[in-house]
Amino acid sequence: MDETEHRLARRIRFERETRGWSLADLAERAGVAKATVGKIEREEASPTAAILVRIATAFDLTLAGLMVRAEADVGRVMRAADRAEWRDPDTGYIRRQVFRHPDHPVELVEVTMPAHRSVRLPAASYGFIRQVLWVRDGRMTIVEGETRHDLGPGDALGFGPPADTTLANETDSPATYVVALARS
C-alpha cells in the first residue's frame, strides 16, 4: 500500500468511529462485507473504486470528499506535485484529485481508464451530487441506467438523474477524462 492508501484506511476508520458505528454498522450501510471493511481499515487490502464509493456514500460523502479528508489539509491552491493519486486494484483505473476544498462547492478529478476496463457505480453514489464528465483523450462509453453515451476527445456529458452507471473504455488505448462535481 502507498501513503494515500494508508491515509484513506485511517480516514475510513476515523469517519466510522466518530459516528459511533461498529464495523458491522458501516458494512450494512455501505452494502459491503464486514470482513472487507475490517481488512481495509487494518490496511490489509486495497479497496476498489466501487467499494470506496459505497463507503463514502454511507458517510454521506462523495468519493472525492472522502479522498480529500484523507489527505492533508490544503489551502485554496492545490499544487500538481501535491495531488493525491489512487489506483483501483481491480481495473488499474488511476484517479487524481485535481481540486477539492471544504469551502468550495466544486471538485475536479482526473481519471485515466485503461483499455478494455470499466467501473460500475451504484445510483446512490450520485444522489447528492451533480457532475459533468469531459473526455480529454481517448474514448469513453457511459451507460446511465438504460441510456448509452459514446464520447470522444473534447466531448462532455452532464449526468442526469441518479442511475446505476458504468464508465467504460471499450477501446485498445487508455482514456483520460475529467469529472467536475458539485453538491446538489
N, C-alpha and C. Protein backbone atom coordinates (compact mmCIF):
# COMPACT_ATOMS: atom_id res chain seq x y z
N MET A 1 0.84 -1.18 0.00
CA MET A 1 0.00 0.00 0.00
C MET A 1 0.88 1.24 0.00
N ASP A 2 0.45 2.27 -0.75
CA ASP A 2 1.18 3.53 -0.74
C ASP A 2 0.62 4.45 0.34
N GLU A 3 1.21 5.63 0.47
CA GLU A 3 0.82 6.55 1.53
C GLU A 3 -0.64 6.99 1.41
N THR A 4 -1.13 7.20 0.19
CA THR A 4 -2.53 7.59 0.00
C THR A 4 -3.46 6.51 0.54
N GLU A 5 -3.16 5.25 0.25
CA GLU A 5 -3.99 4.15 0.73
C GLU A 5 -3.95 4.04 2.25
N HIS A 6 -2.78 4.28 2.85
CA HIS A 6 -2.68 4.26 4.32
C HIS A 6 -3.54 5.37 4.93
N ARG A 7 -3.46 6.58 4.36
CA ARG A 7 -4.26 7.70 4.87
C ARG A 7 -5.75 7.43 4.69
N LEU A 8 -6.10 6.82 3.56
CA LEU A 8 -7.50 6.52 3.28
C LEU A 8 -8.04 5.50 4.30
N ALA A 9 -7.27 4.46 4.59
CA ALA A 9 -7.69 3.46 5.57
C ALA A 9 -7.90 4.09 6.94
N ARG A 10 -6.97 4.94 7.33
CA ARG A 10 -7.09 5.63 8.63
C ARG A 10 -8.31 6.55 8.65
N ARG A 11 -8.57 7.22 7.53
CA ARG A 11 -9.72 8.14 7.47
C ARG A 11 -11.04 7.39 7.55
N ILE A 12 -11.13 6.24 6.89
CA ILE A 12 -12.36 5.45 6.95
C ILE A 12 -12.63 5.03 8.39
N ARG A 13 -11.59 4.56 9.07
CA ARG A 13 -11.76 4.18 10.48
C ARG A 13 -12.19 5.39 11.31
N PHE A 14 -11.54 6.56 11.09
CA PHE A 14 -11.89 7.78 11.82
C PHE A 14 -13.34 8.18 11.58
N GLU A 15 -13.78 8.19 10.30
CA GLU A 15 -15.16 8.56 9.97
C GLU A 15 -16.15 7.62 10.66
N ARG A 16 -15.84 6.33 10.64
CA ARG A 16 -16.73 5.33 11.26
C ARG A 16 -16.79 5.54 12.77
N GLU A 17 -15.64 5.69 13.39
CA GLU A 17 -15.59 5.82 14.85
C GLU A 17 -16.22 7.12 15.34
N THR A 18 -16.06 8.24 14.59
CA THR A 18 -16.66 9.50 15.04
C THR A 18 -18.18 9.44 14.97
N ARG A 19 -18.72 8.55 14.16
CA ARG A 19 -20.17 8.38 14.08
C ARG A 19 -20.66 7.36 15.10
N GLY A 20 -19.73 6.71 15.80
CA GLY A 20 -20.11 5.71 16.79
C GLY A 20 -20.56 4.40 16.15
N TRP A 21 -20.14 4.16 14.91
CA TRP A 21 -20.56 2.95 14.19
C TRP A 21 -19.56 1.82 14.43
N SER A 22 -20.08 0.63 14.50
CA SER A 22 -19.24 -0.56 14.53
C SER A 22 -18.86 -0.91 13.08
N LEU A 23 -17.96 -1.86 12.93
CA LEU A 23 -17.63 -2.35 11.58
C LEU A 23 -18.89 -2.88 10.90
N ALA A 24 -19.72 -3.58 11.67
CA ALA A 24 -20.96 -4.13 11.11
C ALA A 24 -21.91 -3.03 10.66
N ASP A 25 -21.97 -1.93 11.43
CA ASP A 25 -22.83 -0.80 11.05
C ASP A 25 -22.41 -0.22 9.70
N LEU A 26 -21.10 0.05 9.56
CA LEU A 26 -20.61 0.61 8.29
C LEU A 26 -20.83 -0.38 7.16
N ALA A 27 -20.53 -1.64 7.39
CA ALA A 27 -20.71 -2.65 6.35
C ALA A 27 -22.16 -2.70 5.87
N GLU A 28 -23.08 -2.67 6.81
CA GLU A 28 -24.51 -2.72 6.44
C GLU A 28 -24.92 -1.47 5.66
N ARG A 29 -24.51 -0.30 6.13
CA ARG A 29 -24.89 0.95 5.47
C ARG A 29 -24.27 1.07 4.08
N ALA A 30 -23.08 0.49 3.90
CA ALA A 30 -22.38 0.58 2.63
C ALA A 30 -22.70 -0.59 1.69
N GLY A 31 -23.30 -1.64 2.23
CA GLY A 31 -23.56 -2.82 1.40
C GLY A 31 -22.28 -3.55 1.04
N VAL A 32 -21.35 -3.57 1.99
CA VAL A 32 -20.04 -4.20 1.81
C VAL A 32 -19.85 -5.20 2.94
N ALA A 33 -19.16 -6.28 2.68
CA ALA A 33 -18.92 -7.29 3.72
C ALA A 33 -18.13 -6.70 4.89
N LYS A 34 -18.51 -7.08 6.10
CA LYS A 34 -17.82 -6.61 7.30
C LYS A 34 -16.34 -6.95 7.25
N ALA A 35 -16.01 -8.14 6.76
CA ALA A 35 -14.60 -8.56 6.66
C ALA A 35 -13.82 -7.63 5.72
N THR A 36 -14.47 -7.19 4.66
CA THR A 36 -13.82 -6.29 3.71
C THR A 36 -13.51 -4.96 4.36
N VAL A 37 -14.48 -4.40 5.09
CA VAL A 37 -14.25 -3.13 5.79
C VAL A 37 -13.11 -3.29 6.79
N GLY A 38 -13.11 -4.39 7.53
CA GLY A 38 -12.05 -4.63 8.50
C GLY A 38 -10.67 -4.70 7.86
N LYS A 39 -10.57 -5.40 6.74
CA LYS A 39 -9.28 -5.51 6.04
C LYS A 39 -8.81 -4.16 5.52
N ILE A 40 -9.75 -3.34 5.02
CA ILE A 40 -9.39 -2.00 4.54
C ILE A 40 -8.87 -1.17 5.70
N GLU A 41 -9.58 -1.16 6.82
CA GLU A 41 -9.17 -0.36 7.97
C GLU A 41 -7.85 -0.84 8.57
N ARG A 42 -7.58 -2.14 8.52
CA ARG A 42 -6.32 -2.68 9.05
C ARG A 42 -5.19 -2.58 8.02
N GLU A 43 -5.50 -2.00 6.86
CA GLU A 43 -4.54 -1.81 5.78
C GLU A 43 -4.01 -3.13 5.24
N GLU A 44 -4.90 -4.13 5.22
CA GLU A 44 -4.55 -5.44 4.68
C GLU A 44 -5.06 -5.62 3.26
N ALA A 45 -5.92 -4.70 2.79
CA ALA A 45 -6.48 -4.80 1.44
C ALA A 45 -6.71 -3.40 0.88
N SER A 46 -6.51 -3.27 -0.44
CA SER A 46 -6.79 -2.01 -1.13
C SER A 46 -8.21 -2.06 -1.66
N PRO A 47 -9.04 -1.08 -1.32
CA PRO A 47 -10.43 -1.10 -1.79
C PRO A 47 -10.52 -0.75 -3.27
N THR A 48 -11.52 -1.29 -3.92
CA THR A 48 -11.81 -0.94 -5.31
C THR A 48 -12.57 0.38 -5.34
N ALA A 49 -12.68 0.96 -6.52
CA ALA A 49 -13.44 2.21 -6.67
C ALA A 49 -14.89 2.02 -6.25
N ALA A 50 -15.48 0.91 -6.66
CA ALA A 50 -16.89 0.65 -6.33
C ALA A 50 -17.09 0.55 -4.82
N ILE A 51 -16.18 -0.10 -4.12
CA ILE A 51 -16.29 -0.23 -2.66
C ILE A 51 -16.09 1.13 -2.00
N LEU A 52 -15.11 1.91 -2.47
CA LEU A 52 -14.90 3.24 -1.90
C LEU A 52 -16.11 4.14 -2.08
N VAL A 53 -16.77 4.06 -3.24
CA VAL A 53 -17.97 4.86 -3.47
C VAL A 53 -19.05 4.47 -2.48
N ARG A 54 -19.22 3.17 -2.24
CA ARG A 54 -20.24 2.70 -1.30
C ARG A 54 -19.94 3.18 0.12
N ILE A 55 -18.68 3.12 0.51
CA ILE A 55 -18.29 3.57 1.85
C ILE A 55 -18.48 5.08 1.97
N ALA A 56 -18.04 5.83 0.98
CA ALA A 56 -18.20 7.28 1.00
C ALA A 56 -19.68 7.65 1.10
N THR A 57 -20.51 6.98 0.33
CA THR A 57 -21.95 7.25 0.34
C THR A 57 -22.55 6.96 1.71
N ALA A 58 -22.09 5.90 2.36
CA ALA A 58 -22.58 5.58 3.71
C ALA A 58 -22.27 6.73 4.68
N PHE A 59 -21.15 7.43 4.43
CA PHE A 59 -20.78 8.58 5.27
C PHE A 59 -21.43 9.88 4.77
N ASP A 60 -22.28 9.79 3.75
CA ASP A 60 -22.90 10.95 3.11
C ASP A 60 -21.83 11.86 2.51
N LEU A 61 -20.83 11.24 1.87
CA LEU A 61 -19.75 11.95 1.20
C LEU A 61 -19.67 11.47 -0.25
N THR A 62 -19.05 12.27 -1.09
CA THR A 62 -18.67 11.79 -2.42
C THR A 62 -17.34 11.05 -2.26
N LEU A 63 -16.96 10.31 -3.28
CA LEU A 63 -15.64 9.66 -3.26
C LEU A 63 -14.56 10.73 -3.12
N ALA A 64 -14.70 11.82 -3.88
CA ALA A 64 -13.72 12.91 -3.80
C ALA A 64 -13.69 13.51 -2.40
N GLY A 65 -14.86 13.65 -1.77
CA GLY A 65 -14.92 14.18 -0.41
C GLY A 65 -14.20 13.30 0.58
N LEU A 66 -14.36 11.99 0.45
CA LEU A 66 -13.65 11.05 1.33
C LEU A 66 -12.15 11.14 1.09
N MET A 67 -11.77 11.19 -0.19
CA MET A 67 -10.35 11.25 -0.53
C MET A 67 -9.70 12.52 0.02
N VAL A 68 -10.37 13.66 -0.13
CA VAL A 68 -9.77 14.90 0.34
C VAL A 68 -9.65 14.93 1.86
N ARG A 69 -10.60 14.32 2.55
CA ARG A 69 -10.50 14.24 4.00
C ARG A 69 -9.32 13.36 4.42
N ALA A 70 -9.00 12.40 3.59
CA ALA A 70 -7.86 11.52 3.89
C ALA A 70 -6.53 12.22 3.66
N GLU A 71 -6.54 13.24 2.82
CA GLU A 71 -5.32 13.97 2.51
C GLU A 71 -5.08 15.04 3.55
N ALA A 72 -3.90 15.57 3.56
CA ALA A 72 -3.57 16.67 4.47
C ALA A 72 -4.41 17.89 4.11
N ASP A 73 -4.69 18.73 5.09
CA ASP A 73 -5.45 19.95 4.84
C ASP A 73 -4.68 20.81 3.87
N VAL A 74 -5.35 21.26 2.83
CA VAL A 74 -4.71 22.08 1.81
C VAL A 74 -5.38 23.44 1.75
N GLY A 75 -4.67 24.41 1.23
CA GLY A 75 -5.23 25.74 1.05
C GLY A 75 -6.07 25.76 -0.22
N ARG A 76 -6.31 26.96 -0.73
CA ARG A 76 -7.14 27.09 -1.92
C ARG A 76 -6.38 26.70 -3.19
N VAL A 77 -5.06 26.65 -3.12
CA VAL A 77 -4.26 26.24 -4.28
C VAL A 77 -3.83 24.80 -4.07
N MET A 78 -4.15 23.96 -5.03
CA MET A 78 -3.67 22.57 -4.99
C MET A 78 -2.57 22.43 -6.02
N ARG A 79 -1.38 22.23 -5.58
CA ARG A 79 -0.21 22.11 -6.46
C ARG A 79 -0.20 20.74 -7.12
N ALA A 80 0.18 20.72 -8.39
CA ALA A 80 0.22 19.47 -9.15
C ALA A 80 1.09 18.44 -8.44
N ALA A 81 2.19 18.87 -7.88
CA ALA A 81 3.11 17.95 -7.22
C ALA A 81 2.53 17.34 -5.95
N ASP A 82 1.50 17.98 -5.38
CA ASP A 82 0.91 17.52 -4.13
C ASP A 82 -0.38 16.72 -4.31
N ARG A 83 -0.79 16.49 -5.54
CA ARG A 83 -2.05 15.79 -5.78
C ARG A 83 -1.97 14.34 -5.35
N ALA A 84 -3.03 13.91 -4.71
CA ALA A 84 -3.13 12.50 -4.33
C ALA A 84 -3.52 11.70 -5.57
N GLU A 85 -2.92 10.55 -5.71
CA GLU A 85 -3.24 9.64 -6.82
C GLU A 85 -3.59 8.30 -6.21
N TRP A 86 -4.63 7.69 -6.75
CA TRP A 86 -5.08 6.39 -6.25
C TRP A 86 -5.35 5.48 -7.43
N ARG A 87 -4.94 4.22 -7.31
CA ARG A 87 -5.15 3.22 -8.37
C ARG A 87 -6.10 2.15 -7.89
N ASP A 88 -7.17 1.91 -8.67
CA ASP A 88 -8.13 0.85 -8.37
C ASP A 88 -7.44 -0.49 -8.60
N PRO A 89 -7.34 -1.33 -7.57
CA PRO A 89 -6.64 -2.60 -7.74
C PRO A 89 -7.30 -3.56 -8.72
N ASP A 90 -8.61 -3.42 -8.95
CA ASP A 90 -9.31 -4.32 -9.89
C ASP A 90 -9.10 -3.94 -11.34
N THR A 91 -9.16 -2.65 -11.65
CA THR A 91 -9.15 -2.22 -13.05
C THR A 91 -7.87 -1.52 -13.47
N GLY A 92 -7.09 -1.03 -12.52
CA GLY A 92 -5.91 -0.24 -12.85
C GLY A 92 -6.27 1.22 -13.14
N TYR A 93 -7.53 1.58 -12.95
CA TYR A 93 -8.01 2.96 -13.14
C TYR A 93 -7.25 3.85 -12.17
N ILE A 94 -6.75 4.98 -12.67
CA ILE A 94 -5.98 5.91 -11.85
C ILE A 94 -6.78 7.19 -11.65
N ARG A 95 -6.95 7.58 -10.40
CA ARG A 95 -7.75 8.75 -10.03
C ARG A 95 -6.85 9.78 -9.38
N ARG A 96 -6.87 11.01 -9.90
CA ARG A 96 -6.08 12.10 -9.35
C ARG A 96 -7.02 13.21 -8.89
N GLN A 97 -6.86 13.64 -7.66
CA GLN A 97 -7.66 14.74 -7.13
C GLN A 97 -7.03 16.03 -7.63
N VAL A 98 -7.68 16.74 -8.56
CA VAL A 98 -7.15 17.97 -9.13
C VAL A 98 -7.46 19.15 -8.22
N PHE A 99 -8.72 19.24 -7.77
CA PHE A 99 -9.10 20.33 -6.87
C PHE A 99 -10.23 19.88 -5.96
N ARG A 100 -10.09 20.19 -4.68
CA ARG A 100 -11.15 19.97 -3.69
C ARG A 100 -10.79 20.79 -2.48
N HIS A 101 -11.73 21.57 -2.03
CA HIS A 101 -11.55 22.35 -0.82
C HIS A 101 -12.88 22.35 -0.07
N PRO A 102 -12.86 22.17 1.25
CA PRO A 102 -14.11 22.10 2.01
C PRO A 102 -15.02 23.30 1.84
N ASP A 103 -14.44 24.48 1.55
CA ASP A 103 -15.24 25.70 1.44
C ASP A 103 -15.65 26.01 0.00
N HIS A 104 -15.39 25.11 -0.93
CA HIS A 104 -15.72 25.36 -2.33
C HIS A 104 -16.69 24.29 -2.82
N PRO A 105 -17.74 24.65 -3.55
CA PRO A 105 -18.75 23.67 -3.95
C PRO A 105 -18.36 22.76 -5.12
N VAL A 106 -17.24 23.05 -5.79
CA VAL A 106 -16.86 22.27 -6.97
C VAL A 106 -15.60 21.45 -6.68
N GLU A 107 -15.61 20.23 -7.18
CA GLU A 107 -14.44 19.35 -7.10
C GLU A 107 -14.05 18.97 -8.52
N LEU A 108 -12.75 18.81 -8.78
CA LEU A 108 -12.27 18.34 -10.07
C LEU A 108 -11.42 17.10 -9.85
N VAL A 109 -11.69 16.08 -10.66
CA VAL A 109 -10.98 14.82 -10.58
C VAL A 109 -10.56 14.42 -11.99
N GLU A 110 -9.33 13.95 -12.14
CA GLU A 110 -8.87 13.43 -13.42
C GLU A 110 -8.70 11.92 -13.29
N VAL A 111 -9.20 11.19 -14.29
CA VAL A 111 -9.14 9.73 -14.26
C VAL A 111 -8.51 9.23 -15.55
N THR A 112 -7.64 8.24 -15.42
CA THR A 112 -7.15 7.51 -16.58
C THR A 112 -7.70 6.10 -16.50
N MET A 113 -8.48 5.73 -17.51
CA MET A 113 -9.11 4.41 -17.56
C MET A 113 -8.33 3.57 -18.58
N PRO A 114 -7.74 2.46 -18.13
CA PRO A 114 -7.01 1.60 -19.06
C PRO A 114 -7.92 1.03 -20.15
N ALA A 115 -7.31 0.56 -21.22
CA ALA A 115 -8.05 -0.05 -22.32
C ALA A 115 -8.84 -1.26 -21.82
N HIS A 116 -10.04 -1.41 -22.36
CA HIS A 116 -10.92 -2.57 -22.09
C HIS A 116 -11.23 -2.76 -20.60
N ARG A 117 -11.40 -1.65 -19.90
CA ARG A 117 -11.75 -1.70 -18.48
C ARG A 117 -12.99 -0.87 -18.23
N SER A 118 -13.69 -1.18 -17.14
CA SER A 118 -14.87 -0.41 -16.78
C SER A 118 -15.06 -0.43 -15.28
N VAL A 119 -15.83 0.55 -14.81
CA VAL A 119 -16.20 0.65 -13.40
C VAL A 119 -17.70 0.87 -13.36
N ARG A 120 -18.38 0.08 -12.53
CA ARG A 120 -19.83 0.23 -12.36
C ARG A 120 -20.08 0.86 -10.99
N LEU A 121 -20.84 1.96 -10.99
CA LEU A 121 -21.12 2.68 -9.76
C LEU A 121 -22.62 2.72 -9.51
N PRO A 122 -23.04 2.52 -8.27
CA PRO A 122 -24.48 2.49 -7.97
C PRO A 122 -25.11 3.88 -8.02
N ALA A 123 -26.40 3.92 -8.26
CA ALA A 123 -27.15 5.18 -8.33
C ALA A 123 -26.95 6.01 -7.06
N ALA A 124 -26.84 5.34 -5.92
CA ALA A 124 -26.69 6.06 -4.64
C ALA A 124 -25.47 6.96 -4.62
N SER A 125 -24.45 6.64 -5.40
CA SER A 125 -23.24 7.47 -5.40
C SER A 125 -23.47 8.82 -6.08
N TYR A 126 -24.60 8.97 -6.78
CA TYR A 126 -24.91 10.22 -7.47
C TYR A 126 -26.08 10.96 -6.81
N GLY A 127 -26.54 10.48 -5.67
CA GLY A 127 -27.72 11.04 -5.04
C GLY A 127 -27.61 12.47 -4.59
N PHE A 128 -26.44 12.92 -4.19
CA PHE A 128 -26.30 14.26 -3.62
C PHE A 128 -25.34 15.13 -4.41
N ILE A 129 -25.00 14.71 -5.63
CA ILE A 129 -24.07 15.50 -6.43
C ILE A 129 -24.59 15.65 -7.85
N ARG A 130 -24.09 16.65 -8.52
CA ARG A 130 -24.29 16.83 -9.96
C ARG A 130 -22.89 16.75 -10.54
N GLN A 131 -22.77 16.16 -11.73
CA GLN A 131 -21.43 16.07 -12.30
C GLN A 131 -21.44 16.15 -13.81
N VAL A 132 -20.30 16.57 -14.31
CA VAL A 132 -20.04 16.64 -15.75
C VAL A 132 -18.75 15.88 -16.00
N LEU A 133 -18.76 15.03 -17.02
CA LEU A 133 -17.57 14.28 -17.41
C LEU A 133 -17.11 14.82 -18.76
N TRP A 134 -15.82 15.18 -18.86
CA TRP A 134 -15.22 15.73 -20.07
C TRP A 134 -14.07 14.82 -20.48
N VAL A 135 -14.15 14.26 -21.68
CA VAL A 135 -13.10 13.37 -22.19
C VAL A 135 -11.97 14.22 -22.75
N ARG A 136 -10.78 14.05 -22.19
CA ARG A 136 -9.60 14.77 -22.69
C ARG A 136 -8.93 13.99 -23.81
N ASP A 137 -8.69 12.71 -23.58
CA ASP A 137 -8.01 11.86 -24.56
C ASP A 137 -8.69 10.51 -24.60
N GLY A 138 -8.80 9.94 -25.80
CA GLY A 138 -9.38 8.61 -25.95
C GLY A 138 -10.89 8.67 -26.10
N ARG A 139 -11.52 7.54 -25.83
CA ARG A 139 -12.97 7.41 -25.97
C ARG A 139 -13.52 6.73 -24.73
N MET A 140 -14.69 7.18 -24.30
CA MET A 140 -15.37 6.59 -23.16
C MET A 140 -16.81 6.29 -23.51
N THR A 141 -17.32 5.21 -22.94
CA THR A 141 -18.74 4.88 -23.04
C THR A 141 -19.32 4.97 -21.64
N ILE A 142 -20.36 5.78 -21.52
CA ILE A 142 -21.04 5.96 -20.23
C ILE A 142 -22.44 5.40 -20.39
N VAL A 143 -22.80 4.46 -19.52
CA VAL A 143 -24.15 3.90 -19.54
C VAL A 143 -24.83 4.29 -18.24
N GLU A 144 -25.84 5.17 -18.35
CA GLU A 144 -26.64 5.60 -17.20
C GLU A 144 -27.95 4.84 -17.27
N GLY A 145 -28.16 3.89 -16.38
CA GLY A 145 -29.38 3.07 -16.45
C GLY A 145 -29.43 2.37 -17.80
N GLU A 146 -30.37 2.73 -18.65
CA GLU A 146 -30.52 2.13 -19.97
C GLU A 146 -29.96 3.01 -21.10
N THR A 147 -29.47 4.19 -20.77
CA THR A 147 -29.02 5.14 -21.78
C THR A 147 -27.51 5.06 -21.97
N ARG A 148 -27.10 4.88 -23.21
CA ARG A 148 -25.68 4.77 -23.56
C ARG A 148 -25.20 6.06 -24.22
N HIS A 149 -24.03 6.54 -23.79
CA HIS A 149 -23.41 7.74 -24.36
C HIS A 149 -22.00 7.36 -24.81
N ASP A 150 -21.69 7.53 -26.09
CA ASP A 150 -20.34 7.30 -26.61
C ASP A 150 -19.67 8.65 -26.78
N LEU A 151 -18.55 8.86 -26.07
CA LEU A 151 -17.88 10.15 -26.03
C LEU A 151 -16.47 10.04 -26.58
N GLY A 152 -16.08 11.02 -27.37
CA GLY A 152 -14.72 11.10 -27.91
C GLY A 152 -13.99 12.29 -27.32
N PRO A 153 -12.76 12.53 -27.77
CA PRO A 153 -11.96 13.64 -27.25
C PRO A 153 -12.71 14.97 -27.35
N GLY A 154 -12.77 15.71 -26.25
CA GLY A 154 -13.43 17.00 -26.21
C GLY A 154 -14.90 16.94 -25.88
N ASP A 155 -15.53 15.75 -25.98
CA ASP A 155 -16.95 15.63 -25.66
C ASP A 155 -17.16 15.69 -24.15
N ALA A 156 -18.32 16.20 -23.76
CA ALA A 156 -18.67 16.30 -22.34
C ALA A 156 -20.10 15.81 -22.14
N LEU A 157 -20.35 15.24 -20.97
CA LEU A 157 -21.68 14.73 -20.61
C LEU A 157 -22.06 15.26 -19.24
N GLY A 158 -23.21 15.91 -19.16
CA GLY A 158 -23.79 16.29 -17.88
C GLY A 158 -24.68 15.14 -17.44
N PHE A 159 -24.38 14.53 -16.29
CA PHE A 159 -25.13 13.37 -15.84
C PHE A 159 -26.56 13.75 -15.50
N GLY A 160 -27.48 12.83 -15.77
CA GLY A 160 -28.90 13.02 -15.49
C GLY A 160 -29.25 12.59 -14.08
N PRO A 161 -30.53 12.25 -13.87
CA PRO A 161 -30.97 11.79 -12.54
C PRO A 161 -30.15 10.57 -12.11
N PRO A 162 -29.98 10.36 -10.80
CA PRO A 162 -29.19 9.23 -10.32
C PRO A 162 -29.66 7.91 -10.93
N ALA A 163 -28.69 7.14 -11.42
CA ALA A 163 -28.94 5.82 -12.01
C ALA A 163 -27.68 5.00 -11.86
N ASP A 164 -27.82 3.67 -11.82
CA ASP A 164 -26.63 2.83 -11.86
C ASP A 164 -25.88 3.21 -13.13
N THR A 165 -24.58 3.44 -13.01
CA THR A 165 -23.80 3.97 -14.12
C THR A 165 -22.53 3.16 -14.31
N THR A 166 -22.23 2.88 -15.58
CA THR A 166 -20.99 2.22 -15.94
C THR A 166 -20.14 3.18 -16.75
N LEU A 167 -18.89 3.33 -16.34
CA LEU A 167 -17.90 4.13 -17.06
C LEU A 167 -16.96 3.13 -17.71
N ALA A 168 -16.92 3.09 -19.05
CA ALA A 168 -16.16 2.06 -19.74
C ALA A 168 -15.27 2.62 -20.83
N ASN A 169 -14.10 2.03 -20.94
CA ASN A 169 -13.21 2.28 -22.06
C ASN A 169 -13.20 0.99 -22.87
N GLU A 170 -13.90 0.99 -23.99
CA GLU A 170 -14.04 -0.21 -24.82
C GLU A 170 -12.99 -0.26 -25.93
N THR A 171 -12.00 0.62 -25.88
CA THR A 171 -11.00 0.71 -26.95
C THR A 171 -9.70 0.00 -26.57
N ASP A 172 -8.74 0.06 -27.48
CA ASP A 172 -7.44 -0.56 -27.26
C ASP A 172 -6.42 0.39 -26.63
N SER A 173 -6.82 1.63 -26.34
CA SER A 173 -5.90 2.63 -25.77
C SER A 173 -6.49 3.22 -24.49
N PRO A 174 -5.64 3.69 -23.57
CA PRO A 174 -6.16 4.34 -22.36
C PRO A 174 -6.96 5.59 -22.71
N ALA A 175 -7.86 5.97 -21.83
CA ALA A 175 -8.64 7.20 -21.98
C ALA A 175 -8.45 8.03 -20.72
N THR A 176 -8.40 9.34 -20.89
CA THR A 176 -8.30 10.25 -19.74
C THR A 176 -9.48 11.19 -19.78
N TYR A 177 -10.14 11.33 -18.63
CA TYR A 177 -11.28 12.24 -18.55
C TYR A 177 -11.23 13.01 -17.24
N VAL A 178 -11.93 14.14 -17.24
CA VAL A 178 -12.03 14.99 -16.06
C VAL A 178 -13.49 15.01 -15.62
N VAL A 179 -13.70 14.91 -14.32
CA VAL A 179 -15.04 14.98 -13.77
C VAL A 179 -15.11 16.22 -12.87
N ALA A 180 -16.11 17.05 -13.13
CA ALA A 180 -16.40 18.20 -12.27
C ALA A 180 -17.64 17.82 -11.46
N LEU A 181 -17.55 17.91 -10.14
CA LEU A 181 -18.64 17.53 -9.24
C LEU A 181 -19.07 18.72 -8.40
N ALA A 182 -20.36 18.84 -8.19
CA ALA A 182 -20.90 19.86 -7.31
C ALA A 182 -22.00 19.23 -6.47
N ARG A 183 -22.02 19.55 -5.19
CA ARG A 183 -23.10 19.04 -4.33
C ARG A 183 -24.39 19.72 -4.73
N SER A 184 -25.47 18.90 -4.82
CA SER A 184 -26.76 19.47 -5.19
C SER A 184 -27.59 19.79 -3.95
